[in-house]
Amino acid sequence: MDNIKILWVDDEVDMLKAHIIFLEEKGYNLTTVNNGGDAIDLIRKHFYDVVFLDEQMPGMSGIQTLEEIKTIKPAIPVVMITKSEEENIMEDALGSRIADYLIKPVNPNQIISSLKKILETKKLVSEKATQSYQQEFAKIGMELNQPLDDKQWIDIYRKLVHWELELEHSNDSGIKSILELQKEEANQVFCKFFEAHYETWLNERQDDTPILSHTLLKEKLFPLLNDDVPTYLVVIDNLRYDQWKTLQPIIEESYNVTQDELYYGIIPSATQYARNSLFSGLLPNEIKKKYPQYWVDEHIEETKNKYEEQLLGELLKRFGKGDIKYSYNKILNINAGRRLAESLPNLQNNKLNVIVYNFIDTLSHARTDMEVIKELAEDETAYRSLTKSWFRHSPLIEILEELAEENIRVVITTDHGSVKTQNPVKVLGDRETNTNLRYKFGKNLQYNPKEVYEVRDPERLFLPRMNISTTYLFTRNADYLVYPNNYNQYVKMYKDTFQHGGISMEEILIPYIVMEPR
């Protein structure tokens, strides 16, 4: 029992000394606080197997504390301690918001009984997930040793994300490490597959070529515009597939998901390239040649995605949909989100409304720059949890709920994902070299060709050539590019941060979701 950690929250915690001594003698590890605020702070920073929570506390009540706990760590079992069997407590128990409830005054046998029920259930669920993945591990391993096509790679990634979420709350660190290693192996093989096929996909498009950034709207969205149902396209920048699966249960309270698909992003898997391609239906070099007024090179100190609305308009015209009434809305902060929520009635007559929501991209960059965010999103699980917490309190969920009430179809997608960086790779470039950690381009780059995906002829990948000797470098899996100068400083600064621009399943395999109101 010495590994079982309990947090007990009660404003009269001094009155619980007998219970605390009893539990500690049984081998449980107890932490006590006398208010909800301190409890929330501890739950953000530490893991607890069970929380005992007093319903009636001054200041932040037990119910308010419960709401915060479920936002931060939805799976943590909470035992509510109350003075009477009130109806709302029963409802919360039936709705699984609380794992159990006890009536004051509680006695030691009630506490032990509740703990055993909760912990045995958790153990059984954890053991079942572990056993199931152990069986699946060998199957996935065998698949990785076979030639896979683009659809099979999507299936592999779905499976790995599924098990990542299933084992998220498991106490079996060994099985988690095995999954992490298998995911790393899969990413290494995926990078080889992507590099072997990507140029062909771009230059020799066939019927079986996967949908890419520049073909997504034409192939998937435009057919939806042929009926009389208005459609909202919500592009949540940097939304990974595992983050979508974390948000899905919340969204399904208002919507039925009718399509849950993945498409292949282009490289660089970065906003300037991928999102401009998404909205224009063109590859980066094609945009620069066809619409030079809408393309901004990286070395220019100017917003690189300021012409998305114009590119979308040109795309609609090229495919005979120029008469469609549409709007484009970019949300960069919470106030802009609130203004959009208030103005939704003004958009009702549009056939297509596009919303670009930038929070998750901002979060990934903030995690690099801010120590507080680093602590809150210290790993993949915490990163997903933080995304979920943001979503529950964002104007975006209000917008989606209102659209559901108006019986409006919603499509959710993104332009690229991100990967947690682990392995530094040295590169040397001149002052004109771009600053991204997952890809570089320039004319005088020095690097080990074995450590990167090297592109000496950028036009073969429809990438802008800045001069005759421009070379592009792309990192693979969890690698990131670091200059030899101040090497140790930058290695420490950017290790375990979420970056994008390179090649990995997390960056390249992108969710495309169609939802109909319930």
Protein backbone atom coordinates (compact mmCIF):
# COMPACT_ATOMS: atom_id res chain seq x y z
CA MET A 1 0.00 0.00 0.00
CA ASP A 2 2.99 2.29 0.35
CA ASN A 3 2.63 3.35 -3.29
CA ILE A 4 -1.03 4.38 -2.96
CA LYS A 5 -1.19 8.16 -2.64
CA ILE A 6 -4.28 9.83 -1.17
CA LEU A 7 -5.09 13.53 -1.06
CA TRP A 8 -7.62 14.46 1.65
CA VAL A 9 -9.23 17.90 1.32
CA ASP A 10 -11.21 19.14 4.33
CA ASP A 11 -11.38 22.51 6.06
CA GLU A 12 -11.46 20.64 9.39
CA VAL A 13 -8.47 18.49 8.55
CA ASP A 14 -7.24 18.65 12.16
CA MET A 15 -10.31 16.63 13.16
CA LEU A 16 -9.17 13.77 10.89
CA LYS A 17 -5.98 12.83 12.70
CA ALA A 18 -7.36 9.49 13.86
CA HIS A 19 -8.36 8.55 10.30
CA ILE A 20 -5.02 9.68 8.91
CA ILE A 21 -3.05 7.65 11.46
CA PHE A 22 -5.27 4.63 10.74
CA LEU A 23 -4.66 4.84 6.99
CA GLU A 24 -0.93 5.43 7.37
CA GLU A 25 -0.70 2.38 9.59
CA LYS A 26 -2.37 0.43 6.79
CA GLY A 27 0.41 1.59 4.45
CA TYR A 28 -1.31 4.40 2.57
CA ASN A 29 0.54 7.64 1.77
CA LEU A 30 -1.57 10.61 2.95
CA THR A 31 -1.37 14.30 2.02
CA THR A 32 -3.85 16.72 3.61
CA VAL A 33 -4.92 20.28 2.77
CA ASN A 34 -7.69 22.43 4.23
CA ASN A 35 -8.96 24.21 1.09
CA GLY A 36 -9.77 23.63 -2.56
CA GLY A 37 -7.20 26.05 -3.95
CA ASP A 38 -4.26 24.22 -2.37
CA ALA A 39 -5.74 20.91 -3.52
CA ILE A 40 -5.85 22.10 -7.14
CA ASP A 41 -2.23 23.29 -6.96
CA LEU A 42 -1.11 19.88 -5.70
CA ILE A 43 -3.13 17.96 -8.30
CA ARG A 44 -1.53 19.99 -11.10
CA LYS A 45 1.95 19.03 -9.89
CA HIS A 46 1.58 15.53 -8.43
CA PHE A 47 -0.13 12.21 -9.03
CA TYR A 48 -2.73 10.90 -6.58
CA ASP A 49 -4.58 7.59 -6.73
CA VAL A 50 -7.64 8.91 -4.84
CA VAL A 51 -8.93 12.25 -3.57
CA PHE A 52 -11.20 12.49 -0.52
CA LEU A 53 -13.10 15.76 -0.81
CA ASP A 54 -15.31 17.49 1.75
CA GLU A 55 -18.43 18.83 0.07
CA GLN A 56 -18.97 21.84 2.35
CA MET A 57 -15.94 24.07 2.72
CA PRO A 58 -15.75 27.85 3.05
CA GLY A 59 -14.41 29.73 0.04
CA MET A 60 -13.97 27.23 -2.79
CA SER A 61 -16.64 24.59 -2.14
CA GLY A 62 -16.25 20.87 -2.64
CA ILE A 63 -18.38 20.99 -5.80
CA GLN A 64 -16.28 23.81 -7.27
CA THR A 65 -13.10 21.94 -6.38
CA LEU A 66 -14.50 18.81 -8.03
CA GLU A 67 -15.14 20.76 -11.24
CA GLU A 68 -11.53 21.94 -11.33
CA ILE A 69 -10.15 18.49 -10.55
CA LYS A 70 -12.15 16.91 -13.38
CA THR A 71 -10.94 19.59 -15.78
CA ILE A 72 -7.28 19.06 -14.91
CA LYS A 73 -7.27 15.28 -14.45
CA PRO A 74 -10.63 13.79 -15.48
CA ALA A 75 -9.71 10.20 -14.59
CA ILE A 76 -8.68 10.75 -10.98
CA PRO A 77 -11.18 9.07 -8.58
CA VAL A 78 -12.85 11.50 -6.17
CA VAL A 79 -14.73 10.40 -3.03
CA MET A 80 -17.12 13.11 -1.91
CA ILE A 81 -17.71 13.35 1.85
CA THR A 82 -21.06 14.90 2.66
CA LYS A 83 -23.40 15.41 5.60
CA SER A 84 -26.47 14.00 3.86
CA GLU A 85 -27.48 11.93 0.82
CA GLU A 86 -28.39 14.92 -1.30
CA GLU A 87 -29.82 14.31 -4.76
CA ASN A 88 -27.02 16.09 -6.60
CA ILE A 89 -24.41 13.88 -4.91
CA MET A 90 -26.30 10.78 -6.05
CA GLU A 91 -26.49 12.17 -9.59
CA ASP A 92 -22.75 12.88 -9.64
CA ALA A 93 -22.07 9.35 -8.45
CA LEU A 94 -24.29 7.85 -11.14
CA GLY A 95 -22.69 10.09 -13.74
CA SER A 96 -19.22 8.89 -12.68
CA ARG A 97 -18.09 12.41 -11.80
CA ILE A 98 -17.37 10.99 -8.38
CA ALA A 99 -16.19 7.46 -7.70
CA ASP A 100 -17.98 7.16 -4.37
CA TYR A 101 -19.50 9.20 -1.54
CA LEU A 102 -19.41 8.84 2.22
CA ILE A 103 -21.81 10.27 4.81
CA LYS A 104 -20.39 12.06 7.82
CA PRO A 105 -19.34 10.99 10.34
CA VAL A 106 -17.23 8.49 8.44
CA ASN A 107 -15.65 5.51 10.17
CA PRO A 108 -12.43 3.70 9.23
CA ASN A 109 -14.18 0.64 7.81
CA GLN A 110 -16.16 2.82 5.37
CA ILE A 111 -12.95 4.47 4.19
CA ILE A 112 -11.15 1.16 3.64
CA SER A 113 -14.16 -0.31 1.85
CA SER A 114 -14.35 2.70 -0.50
CA LEU A 115 -10.62 2.58 -1.20
CA LYS A 116 -10.64 -1.12 -2.01
CA LYS A 117 -13.60 -0.74 -4.36
CA ILE A 118 -11.97 2.14 -6.25
CA LEU A 119 -8.43 0.79 -6.36
CA GLU A 120 -9.44 -2.73 -7.33
CA THR A 121 -11.55 -1.34 -10.17
CA LYS A 122 -8.62 0.81 -11.34
CA LYS A 123 -6.30 -2.15 -11.07
CA LEU A 124 -8.58 -4.38 -13.11
CA VAL A 125 -9.01 -1.73 -15.81
CA SER A 126 -5.26 -1.09 -15.89
CA GLU A 127 -4.46 -4.81 -16.02
CA LYS A 128 -6.98 -5.34 -18.83
CA ALA A 129 -5.48 -2.52 -20.90
CA THR A 130 -1.96 -3.84 -20.25
CA GLN A 131 -2.89 -7.37 -21.26
CA SER A 132 -4.68 -6.18 -24.38
CA TYR A 133 -1.72 -4.07 -25.50
CA GLN A 134 0.70 -6.93 -24.81
CA GLN A 135 -1.32 -9.00 -27.27
CA GLU A 136 -1.43 -6.13 -29.77
CA PHE A 137 2.30 -5.36 -29.39
CA ALA A 138 3.41 -8.40 -31.38
CA LYS A 139 0.87 -7.74 -34.14
CA ILE A 140 2.00 -4.14 -34.57
CA GLY A 141 5.63 -5.27 -34.53
CA MET A 142 4.96 -7.75 -37.32
CA GLU A 143 3.17 -5.09 -39.36
CA LEU A 144 6.15 -2.74 -39.03
CA ASN A 145 8.34 -5.42 -40.62
CA GLN A 146 6.10 -5.59 -43.71
CA PRO A 147 5.82 -3.11 -46.61
CA LEU A 148 2.99 -0.72 -45.69
CA ASP A 149 1.01 1.65 -47.89
CA ASP A 150 -0.32 5.06 -46.88
CA LYS A 151 -3.64 3.68 -45.59
CA GLN A 152 -1.92 1.01 -43.50
CA TRP A 153 0.31 3.66 -41.94
CA ILE A 154 -2.77 5.60 -40.92
CA ASP A 155 -4.10 2.42 -39.33
CA ILE A 156 -0.82 1.87 -37.43
CA TYR A 157 -0.87 5.42 -36.10
CA ARG A 158 -4.51 5.10 -35.00
CA LYS A 159 -3.62 1.95 -33.06
CA LEU A 160 -0.64 3.56 -31.35
CA VAL A 161 -2.68 6.61 -30.33
CA HIS A 162 -5.44 4.33 -29.06
CA TRP A 163 -3.04 2.45 -26.80
CA GLU A 164 -1.36 5.66 -25.70
CA LEU A 165 -4.73 6.90 -24.44
CA GLU A 166 -5.75 3.53 -23.00
CA LEU A 167 -2.53 3.25 -20.97
CA GLU A 168 -2.45 6.92 -20.03
CA HIS A 169 -3.50 6.32 -16.43
CA SER A 170 -1.86 2.95 -15.99
CA ASN A 171 0.58 2.57 -13.11
CA ASP A 172 2.60 0.06 -15.13
CA SER A 173 5.61 2.15 -16.16
CA GLY A 174 7.12 -0.87 -17.89
CA ILE A 175 4.31 -1.27 -20.41
CA LYS A 176 4.32 2.48 -21.04
CA SER A 177 8.04 2.32 -21.85
CA ILE A 178 7.41 -0.57 -24.25
CA LEU A 179 4.71 1.45 -26.03
CA GLU A 180 7.01 4.47 -26.21
CA LEU A 181 9.76 2.36 -27.78
CA GLN A 182 7.34 0.83 -30.26
CA LYS A 183 6.08 4.27 -31.23
CA GLU A 184 9.67 5.42 -31.74
CA GLU A 185 10.36 2.38 -33.92
CA ALA A 186 7.20 3.05 -35.91
CA ASN A 187 8.24 6.67 -36.44
CA GLN A 188 11.64 5.62 -37.74
CA VAL A 189 10.05 3.28 -40.28
CA PHE A 190 7.38 5.86 -41.14
CA CYS A 191 10.02 8.48 -41.96
CA LYS A 192 11.67 6.08 -44.42
CA PHE A 193 8.29 5.36 -46.01
CA PHE A 194 7.40 9.04 -46.29
CA GLU A 195 10.76 10.00 -47.81
CA ALA A 196 10.51 7.15 -50.32
CA HIS A 197 7.04 8.15 -51.57
CA TYR A 198 6.56 11.88 -50.96
CA GLU A 199 8.16 13.17 -54.16
CA THR A 200 6.16 10.70 -56.26
CA TRP A 201 2.92 11.77 -54.56
CA LEU A 202 3.64 15.38 -55.53
CA ASN A 203 4.87 14.80 -59.10
CA GLU A 204 2.94 11.76 -60.31
CA ARG A 205 -0.49 12.03 -58.75
CA GLN A 206 -2.51 8.82 -59.19
CA ASP A 207 -5.95 7.65 -58.05
CA ASP A 208 -4.38 5.94 -55.05
CA THR A 209 -2.26 8.94 -54.00
CA PRO A 210 -3.23 9.95 -50.46
CA ILE A 211 -4.98 13.22 -49.80
CA LEU A 212 -2.41 15.91 -49.02
CA SER A 213 -2.61 19.45 -47.61
CA HIS A 214 -3.19 21.05 -51.01
CA THR A 215 -5.88 18.56 -52.10
CA LEU A 216 -7.85 18.30 -48.83
CA LEU A 217 -10.45 21.03 -49.37
CA LYS A 218 -11.11 20.06 -53.00
CA GLU A 219 -11.44 16.35 -52.21
CA LYS A 220 -13.15 16.43 -48.83
CA LEU A 221 -14.76 19.82 -48.10
CA PHE A 222 -16.07 20.90 -51.51
CA PRO A 223 -18.43 17.89 -51.90
CA LEU A 224 -20.11 18.96 -48.64
CA LEU A 225 -20.88 22.36 -50.17
CA ASN A 226 -23.14 20.80 -52.79
CA ASP A 227 -26.10 20.37 -50.43
CA ASP A 228 -28.20 22.99 -48.65
CA VAL A 229 -26.59 22.56 -45.22
CA PRO A 230 -24.32 25.43 -44.11
CA THR A 231 -20.82 24.30 -43.09
CA TYR A 232 -18.27 25.66 -40.65
CA LEU A 233 -14.63 24.72 -41.26
CA VAL A 234 -12.69 25.03 -37.98
CA VAL A 235 -8.91 24.82 -38.42
CA ILE A 236 -7.37 24.39 -34.95
CA ASP A 237 -3.73 25.12 -35.61
CA ASN A 238 -1.33 22.35 -34.53
CA LEU A 239 -4.06 19.91 -33.41
CA ARG A 240 -2.59 16.42 -33.22
CA TYR A 241 -4.69 13.30 -33.62
CA ASP A 242 -4.25 12.30 -29.97
CA GLN A 243 -5.42 15.76 -28.91
CA TRP A 244 -8.49 15.39 -31.10
CA LYS A 245 -9.30 12.02 -29.51
CA THR A 246 -8.99 13.70 -26.09
CA LEU A 247 -11.45 16.44 -27.08
CA GLN A 248 -13.84 14.10 -28.89
CA PRO A 249 -15.87 12.93 -25.84
CA ILE A 250 -16.62 16.56 -24.93
CA ILE A 251 -17.64 17.46 -28.48
CA GLU A 252 -19.84 14.35 -28.79
CA GLU A 253 -22.13 15.77 -26.13
CA SER A 254 -23.44 18.03 -28.91
CA TYR A 255 -22.39 16.31 -32.15
CA ASN A 256 -22.30 12.96 -33.91
CA VAL A 257 -18.92 12.39 -35.58
CA THR A 258 -19.73 11.10 -39.07
CA GLN A 259 -16.17 11.10 -40.45
CA ASP A 260 -12.99 10.57 -38.43
CA GLU A 261 -10.14 10.44 -40.93
CA LEU A 262 -6.46 11.27 -41.30
CA TYR A 263 -4.75 12.95 -44.23
CA TYR A 264 -1.07 13.52 -45.04
CA GLY A 265 0.45 16.94 -44.46
CA ILE A 266 3.19 18.42 -46.62
CA ILE A 267 6.71 19.38 -45.56
CA PRO A 268 7.81 21.60 -44.03
CA SER A 269 5.07 20.68 -41.55
CA ALA A 270 4.93 24.32 -40.51
CA THR A 271 2.17 26.91 -40.68
CA GLN A 272 3.59 29.10 -43.44
CA TYR A 273 3.77 26.16 -45.86
CA ALA A 274 1.08 23.72 -44.76
CA ARG A 275 -1.75 26.15 -44.02
CA ASN A 276 -1.16 28.30 -47.08
CA SER A 277 -1.30 25.09 -49.12
CA LEU A 278 -4.47 24.00 -47.34
CA PHE A 279 -6.32 27.21 -48.22
CA SER A 280 -4.88 27.72 -51.70
CA GLY A 281 -5.08 24.15 -53.00
CA LEU A 282 -1.50 24.64 -54.21
CA LEU A 283 1.98 23.65 -53.10
CA PRO A 284 4.29 26.38 -51.74
CA ASN A 285 6.26 27.06 -54.93
CA GLU A 286 3.03 27.06 -56.94
CA ILE A 287 1.58 29.72 -54.64
CA LYS A 288 4.70 31.84 -55.03
CA LYS A 289 4.56 31.60 -58.83
CA LYS A 290 0.79 31.92 -59.32
CA TYR A 291 0.03 34.43 -56.55
CA PRO A 292 3.32 36.19 -55.71
CA GLN A 293 1.35 38.96 -54.00
CA TYR A 294 0.09 36.39 -51.47
CA TRP A 295 3.41 34.70 -50.66
CA VAL A 296 5.84 35.99 -48.02
CA ASP A 297 9.34 34.47 -47.93
CA GLU A 298 10.67 33.41 -44.54
CA HIS A 299 13.44 36.01 -44.39
CA ILE A 300 10.92 38.83 -44.70
CA GLU A 301 9.82 40.33 -41.37
CA GLU A 302 6.10 40.03 -41.99
CA THR A 303 3.26 37.70 -41.02
CA LYS A 304 3.54 34.65 -43.25
CA ASN A 305 -0.17 33.70 -43.23
CA LYS A 306 -1.85 37.06 -43.72
CA TYR A 307 -3.36 36.13 -47.09
CA GLU A 308 -5.23 32.93 -46.24
CA GLU A 309 -8.62 34.48 -46.90
CA GLN A 310 -7.53 35.67 -50.35
CA LEU A 311 -6.04 32.26 -51.18
CA LEU A 312 -9.28 30.55 -50.15
CA GLY A 313 -11.24 32.90 -52.39
CA GLU A 314 -8.98 32.08 -55.34
CA LEU A 315 -9.37 28.35 -54.64
CA LEU A 316 -13.16 28.59 -54.66
CA LYS A 317 -13.05 30.47 -57.98
CA ARG A 318 -10.74 27.94 -59.63
CA PHE A 319 -13.15 25.11 -58.89
CA GLY A 320 -16.35 26.90 -59.90
CA LYS A 321 -17.50 27.86 -56.42
CA GLY A 322 -16.74 31.56 -56.61
CA ASP A 323 -20.40 32.43 -56.05
CA ILE A 324 -20.46 30.78 -52.63
CA LYS A 325 -20.96 33.25 -49.82
CA TYR A 326 -18.28 32.65 -47.19
CA SER A 327 -16.44 34.26 -44.29
CA TYR A 328 -12.94 33.87 -42.90
CA ASN A 329 -12.23 34.45 -39.20
CA LYS A 330 -8.84 34.14 -37.48
CA ILE A 331 -8.84 33.82 -33.68
CA LEU A 332 -5.53 34.72 -32.04
CA ASN A 333 -6.71 35.34 -28.45
CA ILE A 334 -9.65 34.80 -26.12
CA ASN A 335 -11.17 38.24 -26.76
CA ALA A 336 -11.30 37.58 -30.50
CA GLY A 337 -12.97 34.26 -29.73
CA ARG A 338 -15.62 35.94 -27.61
CA ARG A 339 -16.30 38.54 -30.30
CA LEU A 340 -16.79 35.78 -32.85
CA ALA A 341 -19.16 33.92 -30.53
CA GLU A 342 -21.25 37.08 -30.20
CA SER A 343 -21.31 37.68 -33.96
CA LEU A 344 -22.40 34.17 -35.03
CA PRO A 345 -25.93 35.35 -35.99
CA ASN A 346 -24.33 37.63 -38.60
CA LEU A 347 -22.84 34.57 -40.36
CA GLN A 348 -26.03 32.52 -40.63
CA ASN A 349 -26.62 33.22 -44.31
CA ASN A 350 -23.16 32.08 -45.42
CA LYS A 351 -22.73 28.74 -47.12
CA LEU A 352 -19.22 28.38 -45.69
CA ASN A 353 -17.66 29.94 -42.60
CA VAL A 354 -13.99 29.35 -41.85
CA ILE A 355 -12.53 29.73 -38.36
CA VAL A 356 -8.78 29.49 -37.78
CA TYR A 357 -8.11 28.98 -34.07
CA ASN A 358 -4.53 29.45 -32.96
CA PHE A 359 -4.47 28.37 -29.31
CA ILE A 360 -2.68 25.01 -29.52
CA ASP A 361 0.07 26.40 -31.74
CA THR A 362 0.51 29.22 -29.24
CA LEU A 363 0.63 26.63 -26.45
CA SER A 364 3.39 24.60 -28.13
CA HIS A 365 5.52 27.73 -28.58
CA ALA A 366 4.72 28.96 -25.07
CA ARG A 367 5.84 25.61 -23.71
CA THR A 368 9.24 26.25 -25.22
CA ASP A 369 9.51 29.76 -23.80
CA MET A 370 7.74 29.65 -20.45
CA GLU A 371 8.84 27.60 -17.46
CA VAL A 372 5.30 27.57 -16.04
CA ILE A 373 3.92 25.98 -19.21
CA LYS A 374 6.79 23.50 -19.21
CA GLU A 375 5.75 22.38 -15.74
CA LEU A 376 2.08 22.13 -16.67
CA ALA A 377 2.81 20.19 -19.89
CA GLU A 378 5.82 18.15 -18.88
CA ASP A 379 4.90 15.15 -21.04
CA GLU A 380 2.45 13.93 -23.68
CA THR A 381 -0.26 13.11 -21.14
CA ALA A 382 -0.04 16.54 -19.50
CA TYR A 383 0.03 18.21 -22.93
CA ARG A 384 -3.25 16.52 -23.82
CA SER A 385 -4.71 17.38 -20.43
CA LEU A 386 -3.79 21.05 -20.82
CA THR A 387 -5.38 21.10 -24.27
CA LYS A 388 -8.55 19.61 -22.81
CA SER A 389 -8.62 22.14 -19.98
CA TRP A 390 -8.19 25.00 -22.45
CA PHE A 391 -10.99 23.68 -24.65
CA ARG A 392 -13.46 23.35 -21.78
CA HIS A 393 -12.98 27.03 -20.90
CA SER A 394 -12.53 28.51 -24.37
CA PRO A 395 -15.00 30.45 -26.51
CA LEU A 396 -14.58 27.69 -29.10
CA ILE A 397 -16.69 25.22 -27.13
CA GLU A 398 -19.37 27.90 -26.78
CA ILE A 399 -19.26 28.47 -30.53
CA LEU A 400 -19.59 24.75 -31.28
CA GLU A 401 -22.49 24.34 -28.85
CA GLU A 402 -24.35 27.27 -30.39
CA LEU A 403 -23.78 25.91 -33.90
CA ALA A 404 -25.15 22.54 -32.79
CA GLU A 405 -28.31 24.24 -31.54
CA GLU A 406 -28.65 25.90 -34.96
CA ASN A 407 -28.26 22.48 -36.65
CA ILE A 408 -25.09 23.48 -38.49
CA ARG A 409 -22.50 20.98 -39.72
CA VAL A 410 -18.92 21.47 -38.53
CA VAL A 411 -15.65 20.22 -39.99
CA ILE A 412 -12.58 20.23 -37.73
CA THR A 413 -9.06 19.84 -39.07
CA THR A 414 -5.61 21.39 -38.88
CA ASP A 415 -2.54 22.01 -41.03
CA HIS A 416 0.13 20.12 -39.08
CA GLY A 417 0.84 18.50 -35.73
CA SER A 418 3.87 18.61 -33.45
CA VAL A 419 6.36 16.17 -31.96
CA LYS A 420 8.14 16.12 -28.62
CA THR A 421 11.83 16.67 -29.36
CA GLN A 422 14.46 14.44 -27.76
CA ASN A 423 17.60 14.12 -29.90
CA PRO A 424 19.80 17.11 -30.87
CA VAL A 425 21.36 17.11 -34.35
CA LYS A 426 24.13 19.55 -35.19
CA VAL A 427 23.84 21.92 -38.15
CA LEU A 428 25.83 24.99 -39.11
CA GLY A 429 24.40 27.80 -41.26
CA ASP A 430 24.98 31.43 -42.08
CA ARG A 431 22.92 34.35 -40.79
CA GLU A 432 20.35 33.94 -43.56
CA THR A 433 19.42 30.43 -42.42
CA ASN A 434 15.89 30.16 -40.99
CA THR A 435 15.37 29.57 -37.27
CA ASN A 436 13.00 26.57 -37.19
CA LEU A 437 14.29 23.63 -35.12
CA ARG A 438 12.76 20.90 -37.30
CA TYR A 439 13.85 22.09 -40.73
CA LYS A 440 16.44 24.42 -42.19
CA PHE A 441 17.17 25.86 -45.60
CA GLY A 442 20.10 27.85 -46.86
CA LYS A 443 23.04 27.87 -49.25
CA ASN A 444 25.93 27.10 -46.91
CA LEU A 445 24.57 24.49 -44.52
CA GLN A 446 26.98 22.06 -42.88
CA TYR A 447 25.52 18.83 -41.49
CA ASN A 448 25.72 15.04 -41.48
CA PRO A 449 23.54 13.84 -44.41
CA LYS A 450 22.75 10.61 -42.55
CA GLU A 451 21.03 12.53 -39.75
CA VAL A 452 18.52 14.47 -41.89
CA TYR A 453 16.30 14.21 -44.96
CA GLU A 454 18.31 16.25 -47.45
CA VAL A 455 16.64 18.03 -50.38
CA ARG A 456 19.15 19.57 -52.79
CA ASP A 457 16.59 20.21 -55.53
CA PRO A 458 13.74 22.01 -53.70
CA GLU A 459 11.63 22.42 -56.84
CA ARG A 460 11.15 18.65 -57.01
CA LEU A 461 9.19 19.06 -53.76
CA PHE A 462 7.58 22.32 -54.93
CA LEU A 463 9.51 24.37 -52.41
CA PRO A 464 10.74 27.92 -53.08
CA ARG A 465 14.37 28.16 -54.09
CA MET A 466 15.93 31.29 -52.60
CA ASN A 467 19.07 30.95 -54.75
CA ILE A 468 20.71 28.42 -57.04
CA SER A 469 22.34 26.48 -54.17
CA THR A 470 19.43 26.41 -51.67
CA THR A 471 19.24 23.14 -49.74
CA TYR A 472 16.43 22.07 -47.39
CA LEU A 473 17.01 19.80 -44.38
CA PHE A 474 14.23 18.01 -42.51
CA THR A 475 14.57 16.26 -39.16
CA ARG A 476 13.02 12.89 -38.49
CA ASN A 477 11.12 11.43 -35.56
CA ALA A 478 12.13 13.30 -32.35
CA ASP A 479 15.29 15.02 -33.65
CA TYR A 480 15.85 18.77 -33.55
CA LEU A 481 18.50 20.99 -35.10
CA VAL A 482 21.00 22.80 -32.89
CA TYR A 483 23.91 25.06 -33.79
CA PRO A 484 27.37 24.05 -32.46
CA ASN A 485 27.73 27.49 -30.85
CA ASN A 486 26.20 27.38 -27.34
CA TYR A 487 25.33 23.76 -28.08
CA ASN A 488 24.68 22.62 -24.50
CA GLN A 489 22.53 25.65 -23.73
CA TYR A 490 20.25 25.06 -26.72
CA VAL A 491 20.11 21.32 -26.17
CA LYS A 492 18.80 21.91 -22.65
CA MET A 493 16.44 24.69 -23.75
CA TYR A 494 14.67 22.76 -26.51
CA LYS A 495 14.80 19.14 -25.34
CA ASP A 496 11.32 17.85 -24.39
CA THR A 497 9.54 20.70 -26.18
CA PHE A 498 6.85 20.33 -28.83
CA GLN A 499 8.04 21.44 -32.27
CA HIS A 500 6.90 21.11 -35.88
CA GLY A 501 8.33 21.41 -39.38
CA GLY A 502 9.89 17.97 -39.79
CA ILE A 503 8.78 14.41 -40.47
CA SER A 504 6.98 12.27 -37.90
CA MET A 505 3.59 10.62 -37.61
CA GLU A 506 2.54 13.25 -35.10
CA GLU A 507 3.30 16.12 -37.51
CA ILE A 508 2.31 14.54 -40.84
CA LEU A 509 -0.79 12.42 -40.11
CA ILE A 510 -3.51 14.98 -39.55
CA PRO A 511 -7.12 14.66 -38.32
CA TYR A 512 -10.04 15.55 -40.57
CA ILE A 513 -13.37 15.37 -38.73
CA VAL A 514 -16.94 15.92 -39.97
CA MET A 515 -19.63 16.39 -37.32
CA GLU A 516 -23.41 16.65 -37.52
CA PRO A 517 -25.48 18.09 -34.64
CA ARG A 518 -27.25 15.54 -32.47
